[in-house]
Structures are given as C-alpha cells and as structure tokens.
C-alpha cells in the first residue's frame, strides 16, 4: 500500500510561510493577518485559507496568536 508523503514543518517554517504569504498577498504581517481574521476584519478569508490552515498547526498558546 502506497502512502502519501508527509511534510513536517517546524514552528519557524510555519510562521515564515504565513509571514511571506500575508506580506505578498495582503501587505500585512502574519500577526496582523491572524488578528484581522480572529476579529472578523478580513475581507476575503478564502483568499488566504491556506495560511489560516497553517496557523491552526501552531499551539493554541503560541505567541503569534496572543494578540489575535
């Protein structure tokens, strides 16, 4: 039985991907993106759904989520 490859990311790699995507697509930091999403101020969350899913991989008490 074939299994799909597994991609493992460190916290730093996850944050770097979110940061890069948020800056490129929305001109904001990862922290700003997550805060806007959590407070319902993100105009089109679907446009950054991949970044939001990555954020769900972080621990609930991760510092980047503290202001979100």
C-alpha atoms as a PDB file:
ATOM      1  CA  UNK A   1       0.000   0.000   0.000  1.00  0.00           C
ATOM      2  CA  UNK A   2       1.413   3.373  -1.007  1.00  0.00           C
ATOM      3  CA  UNK A   3       1.225   6.184   1.468  1.00  0.00           C
ATOM      4  CA  UNK A   4       1.273   9.878   0.739  1.00  0.00           C
ATOM      5  CA  UNK A   5       4.490  11.685   1.625  1.00  0.00           C
ATOM      6  CA  UNK A   6       4.465  13.570   4.891  1.00  0.00           C
ATOM      7  CA  UNK A   7       5.707  17.130   5.134  1.00  0.00           C
ATOM      8  CA  UNK A   8       6.918  18.129   8.563  1.00  0.00           C
ATOM      9  CA  UNK A   9       7.336  21.814   9.362  1.00  0.00           C
ATOM     10  CA  UNK A  10       8.907  23.446  12.380  1.00  0.00           C
ATOM     11  CA  UNK A  11       7.189  26.353  14.109  1.00  0.00           C
ATOM     12  CA  UNK A  12       9.644  28.688  12.397  1.00  0.00           C
ATOM     13  CA  UNK A  13       8.886  27.263   8.975  1.00  0.00           C
ATOM     14  CA  UNK A  14       5.141  27.577   9.553  1.00  0.00           C
ATOM     15  CA  UNK A  15       5.482  31.201  10.664  1.00  0.00           C
ATOM     16  CA  UNK A  16       7.782  32.013   7.757  1.00  0.00           C
ATOM     17  CA  UNK A  17       5.257  30.656   5.244  1.00  0.00           C
ATOM     18  CA  UNK A  18       2.408  32.585   6.851  1.00  0.00           C
ATOM     19  CA  UNK A  19       4.503  35.764   7.055  1.00  0.00           C
ATOM     20  CA  UNK A  20       5.653  35.552   3.445  1.00  0.00           C
ATOM     21  CA  UNK A  21       2.152  34.818   2.146  1.00  0.00           C
ATOM     22  CA  UNK A  22       0.489  37.525   4.229  1.00  0.00           C
ATOM     23  CA  UNK A  23       3.010  40.154   3.132  1.00  0.00           C
ATOM     24  CA  UNK A  24       2.847  39.173  -0.537  1.00  0.00           C
ATOM     25  CA  UNK A  25      -0.942  38.860  -0.779  1.00  0.00           C
ATOM     26  CA  UNK A  26      -2.251  41.402   1.727  1.00  0.00           C
ATOM     27  CA  UNK A  27       0.684  43.633   2.642  1.00  0.00           C
ATOM     28  CA  UNK A  28       0.420  42.723   6.320  1.00  0.00           C
ATOM     29  CA  UNK A  29       2.351  40.659   8.836  1.00  0.00           C
ATOM     30  CA  UNK A  30       1.368  37.185   9.974  1.00  0.00           C
ATOM     31  CA  UNK A  31       0.268  38.617  13.319  1.00  0.00           C
ATOM     32  CA  UNK A  32      -1.859  41.281  11.609  1.00  0.00           C
ATOM     33  CA  UNK A  33      -3.431  38.668   9.338  1.00  0.00           C
ATOM     34  CA  UNK A  34      -4.357  36.373  12.216  1.00  0.00           C
ATOM     35  CA  UNK A  35      -5.690  39.249  14.313  1.00  0.00           C
ATOM     36  CA  UNK A  36      -7.841  40.510  11.431  1.00  0.00           C
ATOM     37  CA  UNK A  37      -9.185  37.007  10.870  1.00  0.00           C
ATOM     38  CA  UNK A  38      -9.976  36.368  14.540  1.00  0.00           C
ATOM     39  CA  UNK A  39     -11.809  39.694  14.827  1.00  0.00           C
ATOM     40  CA  UNK A  40     -13.787  39.300  11.595  1.00  0.00           C
ATOM     41  CA  UNK A  41     -11.965  42.115   9.823  1.00  0.00           C
ATOM     42  CA  UNK A  42     -10.501  40.052   6.993  1.00  0.00           C
ATOM     43  CA  UNK A  43     -12.361  40.920   3.784  1.00  0.00           C
ATOM     44  CA  UNK A  44     -11.799  37.604   1.985  1.00  0.00           C
ATOM     45  CA  UNK A  45     -10.572  34.822   4.297  1.00  0.00           C
ATOM     46  CA  UNK A  46     -10.910  32.312   1.480  1.00  0.00           C
ATOM     47  CA  UNK A  47      -8.105  34.050  -0.390  1.00  0.00           C
ATOM     48  CA  UNK A  48      -5.694  33.124   2.416  1.00  0.00           C
ATOM     49  CA  UNK A  49      -7.316  29.905   3.619  1.00  0.00           C
ATOM     50  CA  UNK A  50      -4.037  28.026   3.177  1.00  0.00           C
ATOM     51  CA  UNK A  51      -2.310  30.447   5.555  1.00  0.00           C
ATOM     52  CA  UNK A  52      -5.104  30.166   8.091  1.00  0.00           C
ATOM     53  CA  UNK A  53      -4.876  26.373   7.985  1.00  0.00           C
ATOM     54  CA  UNK A  54      -1.140  26.607   8.624  1.00  0.00           C
ATOM     55  CA  UNK A  55      -1.871  28.799  11.657  1.00  0.00           C
ATOM     56  CA  UNK A  56      -4.081  26.017  13.024  1.00  0.00           C
ATOM     57  CA  UNK A  57      -0.949  23.853  13.234  1.00  0.00           C
ATOM     58  CA  UNK A  58       0.508  26.192  15.853  1.00  0.00           C
ATOM     59  CA  UNK A  59      -0.054  25.597  19.541  1.00  0.00           C
ATOM     60  CA  UNK A  60      -3.091  27.473  20.914  1.00  0.00           C
ATOM     61  CA  UNK A  61      -0.798  29.465  23.217  1.00  0.00           C
ATOM     62  CA  UNK A  62       1.716  30.370  20.506  1.00  0.00           C
ATOM     63  CA  UNK A  63       2.941  33.961  20.932  1.00  0.00           C
ATOM     64  CA  UNK A  64       1.951  34.923  17.372  1.00  0.00           C
ATOM     65  CA  UNK A  65      -1.638  34.194  18.346  1.00  0.00           C
ATOM     66  CA  UNK A  66      -1.514  36.115  21.611  1.00  0.00           C
ATOM     67  CA  UNK A  67      -2.841  39.362  20.113  1.00  0.00           C
ATOM     68  CA  UNK A  68      -5.118  37.569  17.684  1.00  0.00           C
END
